[in-house]
């Protein structure tokens, strides 16, 4: 009987410790999603900024991470959304502020609204191409100006 009592007490203490650690790990997943959203949003903004200063015809490919996320590219901003176990984080980056101040010949993202979701099984490639006065975004490698 004494051995069984100590087994129950040990299991109870272990269950309390696992519950405490699980809560901390659960929060780490949310923080990971937040960092992923910010990092990918800034990277895509960086691609657009580089293409604005590049010669016409320059093309760049970007790999979206696998998982639960989405990318929206609009003429004035980029929004990257990442989903975690219990939250969805949206990170928006306004890349036109720096460009408007530093460049007289403004190159804008095409007026078409581009949106895609990440693939849960593999990375997804999106393509950016600078045409004369605009940057086009597509899932297809062949982008025509």
Protein backbone atom coordinates (compact mmCIF):
# COMPACT_ATOMS: atom_id res chain seq x y z
CA UNK A 1 0.00 0.00 0.00
CA UNK A 2 2.83 2.39 0.84
CA UNK A 3 4.48 1.86 -2.55
CA UNK A 4 1.24 2.62 -4.36
CA UNK A 5 0.75 5.86 -2.41
CA UNK A 6 4.24 7.06 -3.29
CA UNK A 7 3.62 6.16 -6.94
CA UNK A 8 0.48 8.32 -6.98
CA UNK A 9 2.29 11.20 -5.32
CA UNK A 10 5.14 10.94 -7.81
CA UNK A 11 2.71 10.88 -10.75
CA UNK A 12 0.87 13.90 -9.34
CA UNK A 13 4.09 15.90 -8.98
CA UNK A 14 5.15 14.86 -12.50
CA UNK A 15 1.77 15.89 -13.93
CA UNK A 16 2.07 19.32 -12.30
CA UNK A 17 5.58 19.81 -13.73
CA UNK A 18 4.51 18.73 -17.22
CA UNK A 19 1.53 21.11 -17.12
CA UNK A 20 3.79 23.99 -16.10
CA UNK A 21 6.36 23.28 -18.81
CA UNK A 22 3.67 22.74 -21.46
CA UNK A 23 2.29 26.22 -20.80
CA UNK A 24 5.74 27.76 -21.34
CA UNK A 25 6.30 25.77 -24.56
CA UNK A 26 2.83 26.72 -25.80
CA UNK A 27 3.78 30.41 -25.39
CA UNK A 28 7.05 29.80 -27.23
CA UNK A 29 5.08 28.65 -30.30
CA UNK A 30 3.20 31.96 -30.30
CA UNK A 31 6.43 33.91 -30.04
CA UNK A 32 7.89 31.86 -32.89
CA UNK A 33 4.92 32.74 -35.10
CA UNK A 34 5.35 36.42 -34.23
CA UNK A 35 9.03 36.39 -35.14
CA UNK A 36 8.33 34.46 -38.35
CA UNK A 37 5.70 37.00 -39.44
CA UNK A 38 7.98 39.97 -38.77
CA UNK A 39 11.03 38.38 -40.36
CA UNK A 40 9.27 37.27 -43.56
CA UNK A 41 7.40 40.55 -43.89
CA UNK A 42 10.64 42.50 -43.68
CA UNK A 43 12.39 40.16 -46.12
CA UNK A 44 9.68 40.60 -48.75
CA UNK A 45 9.79 44.37 -48.21
CA UNK A 46 13.54 44.20 -48.73
CA UNK A 47 13.07 42.37 -52.02
CA UNK A 48 10.69 45.10 -53.20
CA UNK A 49 13.09 47.84 -52.09
CA UNK A 50 15.99 46.19 -53.94
CA UNK A 51 13.94 45.80 -57.11
CA UNK A 52 12.96 49.46 -57.02
CA UNK A 53 16.62 50.39 -57.32
CA UNK A 54 17.39 47.68 -59.91
CA UNK A 55 17.32 47.97 -63.69
CA UNK A 56 14.17 46.97 -65.58
CA UNK A 57 13.95 43.24 -66.23
CA UNK A 58 15.48 42.21 -62.89
CA UNK A 59 13.71 39.21 -61.38
CA UNK A 60 13.89 37.74 -57.90
CA UNK A 61 12.41 34.59 -56.40
CA UNK A 62 11.43 34.25 -52.75
CA UNK A 63 10.66 31.05 -50.87
CA UNK A 64 7.73 31.24 -48.50
CA UNK A 65 8.19 28.95 -45.51
CA UNK A 66 6.07 25.86 -45.13
CA UNK A 67 3.36 26.09 -42.53
CA UNK A 68 0.24 28.08 -41.80
CA UNK A 69 0.88 31.52 -43.21
CA UNK A 70 -0.20 33.93 -45.94
CA UNK A 71 1.33 36.80 -47.92
CA UNK A 72 -0.53 39.83 -49.31
CA UNK A 73 1.27 42.30 -51.55
CA UNK A 74 -0.47 45.59 -52.32
CA UNK A 75 0.78 48.72 -54.06
CA UNK A 76 1.58 50.40 -50.73
CA UNK A 77 2.33 47.64 -48.26
CA UNK A 78 3.10 44.00 -47.60
CA UNK A 79 1.28 41.93 -44.99
CA UNK A 80 2.58 38.57 -43.80
CA UNK A 81 0.33 36.48 -41.56
CA UNK A 82 1.54 33.53 -39.51
CA UNK A 83 -0.71 31.19 -37.55
CA UNK A 84 0.31 29.44 -34.39
CA UNK A 85 -1.52 27.00 -32.21
CA UNK A 86 -3.85 29.61 -30.74
CA UNK A 87 -3.08 32.97 -32.40
CA UNK A 88 -2.73 34.57 -35.81
CA UNK A 89 -0.11 37.29 -36.14
CA UNK A 90 -0.32 39.85 -38.96
CA UNK A 91 2.77 41.88 -39.74
CA UNK A 92 2.41 44.81 -42.15
CA UNK A 93 5.32 46.67 -43.66
CA UNK A 94 4.91 49.97 -45.48
CA UNK A 95 7.82 50.00 -47.89
CA UNK A 96 6.74 53.12 -49.81
CA UNK A 97 7.74 55.58 -47.05
CA UNK A 98 11.49 55.10 -47.57
CA UNK A 99 11.18 54.92 -51.35
CA UNK A 100 9.14 58.12 -51.66
CA UNK A 101 11.73 60.04 -49.68
CA UNK A 102 14.81 58.67 -51.44
CA UNK A 103 13.86 58.17 -55.09
CA UNK A 104 12.51 60.71 -57.56
CA UNK A 105 11.62 58.08 -60.17
CA UNK A 106 9.19 56.07 -58.12
CA UNK A 107 8.65 52.43 -59.01
CA UNK A 108 5.50 50.95 -57.51
CA UNK A 109 4.20 47.45 -57.07
CA UNK A 110 1.65 46.62 -59.77
CA UNK A 111 -1.91 47.63 -58.92
CA UNK A 112 -2.98 43.98 -58.93
CA UNK A 113 -3.71 42.64 -55.46
CA UNK A 114 -1.50 39.56 -54.91
CA UNK A 115 -2.33 37.08 -52.17
CA UNK A 116 -1.18 33.53 -51.56
CA UNK A 117 -1.11 31.08 -48.70
CA UNK A 118 1.88 29.03 -47.67
CA UNK A 119 1.93 25.31 -48.35
CA UNK A 120 1.86 23.18 -45.21
CA UNK A 121 4.03 20.45 -46.74
CA UNK A 122 6.71 22.33 -48.69
CA UNK A 123 8.11 25.77 -49.38
CA UNK A 124 6.34 27.85 -52.02
CA UNK A 125 8.17 30.04 -54.53
CA UNK A 126 6.89 33.47 -55.52
CA UNK A 127 8.49 35.63 -58.20
CA UNK A 128 9.05 39.37 -58.32
CA UNK A 129 9.98 41.16 -61.54
CA UNK A 130 10.73 44.80 -62.14
CA UNK A 131 9.23 46.15 -65.32
CA UNK A 132 9.71 49.78 -66.40
CA UNK A 133 7.68 51.60 -63.73
CA UNK A 134 6.22 48.74 -61.69
CA UNK A 135 7.07 45.53 -59.89
CA UNK A 136 4.93 42.51 -60.68
CA UNK A 137 4.41 39.60 -58.30
CA UNK A 138 3.37 36.12 -59.43
CA UNK A 139 3.47 32.42 -58.63
CA UNK A 140 4.52 31.82 -62.24
CA UNK A 141 8.20 32.20 -63.17
CA UNK A 142 7.28 33.71 -66.55
CA UNK A 143 6.22 37.26 -65.77
CA UNK A 144 5.54 39.42 -68.81
CA UNK A 145 5.99 43.17 -68.64
